Amino acid sequence: MMEVTLIAQAAEVLEALLAAGLTVATAESCTGGLISAALTHHAGSSRSVLGGAVTYSNAMKHRMLGVADPLFGGVGAVSSEVAEAMANGVLNVSGADIAISVTGIAGPDGGTTDKPVGTVWLGLARRGRPTETHLLTLQGDRRSVRTQSAVRALALVGEAARSR
């Protein structure tokens, strides 16, 4: 059921992007491309979706998006700072108007006391505005955490497009 919501929400986001004449790009880690897949599920999405990067490893986050290596050893890949750097990186690489990033721990393992499974950071970058980050603390299995993250990320993109 959550996947149906994701596809429907993506359609609404695309409408908002088209109405505002805006483009979007994605940088996804724990969602593994779910956001891009939901957006591009719809015919005509190429008018607003420029592309995306699935940067699962720290090395790819660094190479493709320019995330500074010291962040990984300092605050870690699942952090506000990395979500911000990912969003800024894909915004710059793509030339999009809006960029969304996701980095988190979907589980079932990989969590710690400080960052349990379900800890997810979203980054929202827009041309001419400060980049925002949002912490999610989600419950559920891996599939649920990934889908909830994508739904929340799309909501941010939709709000950004409508507020332009």
Protein backbone atom coordinates (compact mmCIF):
# COMPACT_ATOMS: atom_id res chain seq x y z
CA MET A 1 0.00 0.00 0.00
CA MET A 2 2.84 2.40 0.82
CA GLU A 3 4.30 1.86 -2.68
CA VAL A 4 0.98 2.95 -4.24
CA THR A 5 1.12 6.10 -2.10
CA LEU A 6 4.68 6.71 -3.28
CA ILE A 7 3.70 6.49 -6.97
CA ALA A 8 0.64 8.71 -6.46
CA GLN A 9 2.66 11.26 -4.52
CA ALA A 10 5.29 11.32 -7.25
CA ALA A 11 2.57 12.24 -9.77
CA GLU A 12 1.53 15.19 -7.58
CA VAL A 13 5.14 16.30 -7.20
CA LEU A 14 5.65 16.17 -10.97
CA GLU A 15 2.55 18.32 -11.48
CA ALA A 16 3.88 20.88 -8.99
CA LEU A 17 7.31 20.90 -10.66
CA LEU A 18 5.79 21.34 -14.12
CA ALA A 19 3.45 24.11 -12.94
CA ALA A 20 6.40 25.98 -11.43
CA GLY A 21 8.71 25.26 -14.38
CA LEU A 22 11.25 23.58 -12.09
CA THR A 23 13.56 20.61 -12.40
CA VAL A 24 14.74 18.09 -9.81
CA ALA A 25 17.66 15.73 -9.25
CA THR A 26 18.15 13.09 -6.57
CA ALA A 27 21.04 11.70 -4.53
CA GLU A 28 19.99 8.49 -2.82
CA SER A 29 21.73 6.14 -0.47
CA CYS A 30 19.43 3.99 1.69
CA THR A 31 16.48 4.41 -0.71
CA GLY A 32 18.53 2.95 -3.54
CA GLY A 33 16.75 4.87 -6.29
CA LEU A 34 13.16 4.60 -5.04
CA ILE A 35 12.58 8.34 -5.37
CA SER A 36 13.86 8.46 -8.94
CA ALA A 37 11.91 5.31 -9.80
CA ALA A 38 8.67 6.76 -8.43
CA LEU A 39 9.14 10.00 -10.35
CA THR A 40 10.12 8.36 -13.62
CA HIS A 41 7.28 5.84 -13.34
CA HIS A 42 5.13 8.55 -14.92
CA ALA A 43 5.16 9.41 -18.61
CA GLY A 44 6.49 12.89 -19.29
CA SER A 45 8.65 12.94 -16.17
CA SER A 46 11.67 13.89 -18.27
CA ARG A 47 10.32 17.44 -18.45
CA SER A 48 11.12 17.84 -14.75
CA VAL A 49 13.47 15.02 -13.70
CA LEU A 50 17.06 15.61 -14.77
CA GLY A 51 18.49 12.49 -13.15
CA GLY A 52 19.81 11.02 -9.99
CA ALA A 53 22.67 9.25 -8.33
CA VAL A 54 22.49 6.17 -6.15
CA THR A 55 25.58 6.65 -4.02
CA TYR A 56 25.48 3.79 -1.59
CA SER A 57 29.15 3.74 -0.64
CA ASN A 58 31.08 6.60 0.94
CA ALA A 59 33.55 6.45 -1.94
CA MET A 60 30.76 7.09 -4.44
CA LYS A 61 29.33 9.91 -2.32
CA HIS A 62 32.78 11.48 -2.45
CA ARG A 63 33.55 10.82 -6.14
CA MET A 64 30.16 11.60 -7.66
CA LEU A 65 28.82 14.25 -5.31
CA GLY A 66 31.93 15.79 -3.79
CA VAL A 67 31.11 14.87 -0.20
CA ALA A 68 34.26 15.61 1.80
CA ASP A 69 36.01 12.44 3.00
CA PRO A 70 36.63 13.78 6.54
CA LEU A 71 32.85 13.87 7.16
CA PHE A 72 32.64 10.09 7.01
CA GLY A 73 35.23 9.60 9.75
CA GLY A 74 33.84 12.51 11.77
CA VAL A 75 30.05 12.75 11.82
CA GLY A 76 29.47 9.65 9.69
CA ALA A 77 27.58 8.97 6.47
CA VAL A 78 24.22 9.15 8.25
CA SER A 79 24.29 12.77 9.33
CA SER A 80 22.91 16.20 8.60
CA GLU A 81 26.25 17.26 7.16
CA VAL A 82 26.42 14.42 4.66
CA ALA A 83 22.76 14.84 3.64
CA GLU A 84 23.49 18.53 3.02
CA ALA A 85 26.65 17.80 1.03
CA MET A 86 24.87 15.16 -1.05
CA ALA A 87 22.01 17.53 -1.91
CA ASN A 88 24.40 20.35 -2.78
CA GLY A 89 26.57 18.00 -4.81
CA VAL A 90 23.76 16.67 -6.98
CA LEU A 91 22.32 20.18 -7.38
CA ASN A 92 25.66 21.40 -8.71
CA VAL A 93 26.38 18.37 -10.90
CA SER A 94 22.90 18.25 -12.44
CA GLY A 95 22.04 21.92 -12.82
CA ALA A 96 18.59 21.21 -11.37
CA ASP A 97 16.50 23.79 -9.56
CA ILE A 98 15.78 21.44 -6.63
CA ALA A 99 17.79 18.51 -5.28
CA ILE A 100 16.83 15.95 -2.66
CA SER A 101 19.18 13.61 -0.86
CA VAL A 102 18.64 10.65 1.45
CA THR A 103 21.13 8.91 3.72
CA GLY A 104 20.13 6.54 6.48
CA ILE A 105 20.04 3.14 8.11
CA ALA A 106 17.26 0.98 6.69
CA GLY A 107 18.23 -2.18 8.59
CA PRO A 108 17.77 -4.80 9.65
CA ASP A 109 21.33 -4.33 10.88
CA GLY A 110 23.80 -1.45 10.79
CA GLY A 111 22.22 0.55 13.58
CA THR A 112 23.99 1.75 16.72
CA THR A 113 22.86 3.21 20.01
CA ASP A 114 23.40 6.73 18.65
CA LYS A 115 21.99 5.96 15.21
CA PRO A 116 19.49 3.11 15.40
CA VAL A 117 17.85 1.45 12.40
CA GLY A 118 15.32 3.94 11.03
CA THR A 119 17.60 6.97 11.42
CA VAL A 120 17.41 8.87 8.14
CA TRP A 121 18.57 12.32 7.07
CA LEU A 122 17.06 14.17 4.12
CA GLY A 123 18.73 17.11 2.40
CA LEU A 124 16.85 19.66 0.29
CA ALA A 125 18.88 22.05 -1.85
CA ARG A 126 17.35 24.83 -3.97
CA ARG A 127 18.97 27.42 -6.14
CA GLY A 128 19.31 30.70 -4.26
CA ARG A 129 18.22 29.32 -0.88
CA PRO A 130 19.98 27.74 2.08
CA THR A 131 20.09 23.95 2.06
CA GLU A 132 17.82 22.30 4.64
CA THR A 133 18.24 18.98 6.39
CA HIS A 134 15.56 16.95 8.11
CA LEU A 135 15.98 14.09 10.58
CA LEU A 136 13.56 11.18 10.39
CA THR A 137 13.24 8.53 13.07
CA LEU A 138 11.28 5.77 11.41
CA GLN A 139 9.89 2.45 12.55
CA GLY A 140 9.40 -0.74 10.61
CA ASP A 141 11.31 -3.22 8.52
CA ARG A 142 13.80 -2.36 5.78
CA ARG A 143 11.16 -2.04 3.07
CA SER A 144 9.04 0.23 5.24
CA VAL A 145 11.94 2.48 6.27
CA ARG A 146 13.03 2.88 2.65
CA THR A 147 9.51 3.62 1.41
CA GLN A 148 8.71 6.02 4.26
CA SER A 149 11.96 7.86 3.53
CA ALA A 150 11.07 8.21 -0.15
CA VAL A 151 7.55 9.43 0.67
CA ARG A 152 8.90 12.09 3.03
CA ALA A 153 11.55 13.14 0.51
CA LEU A 154 8.94 13.57 -2.21
CA ALA A 155 6.82 15.62 0.17
CA LEU A 156 9.74 18.02 0.64
CA VAL A 157 10.25 18.35 -3.11
CA GLY A 158 6.54 19.01 -3.61
CA GLU A 159 6.49 21.69 -0.91
CA ALA A 160 9.58 23.32 -2.42
CA ALA A 161 8.01 23.39 -5.88
CA ARG A 162 4.74 24.84 -4.59
CA SER A 163 6.48 27.53 -2.52
CA ARG A 164 8.46 28.92 -5.42
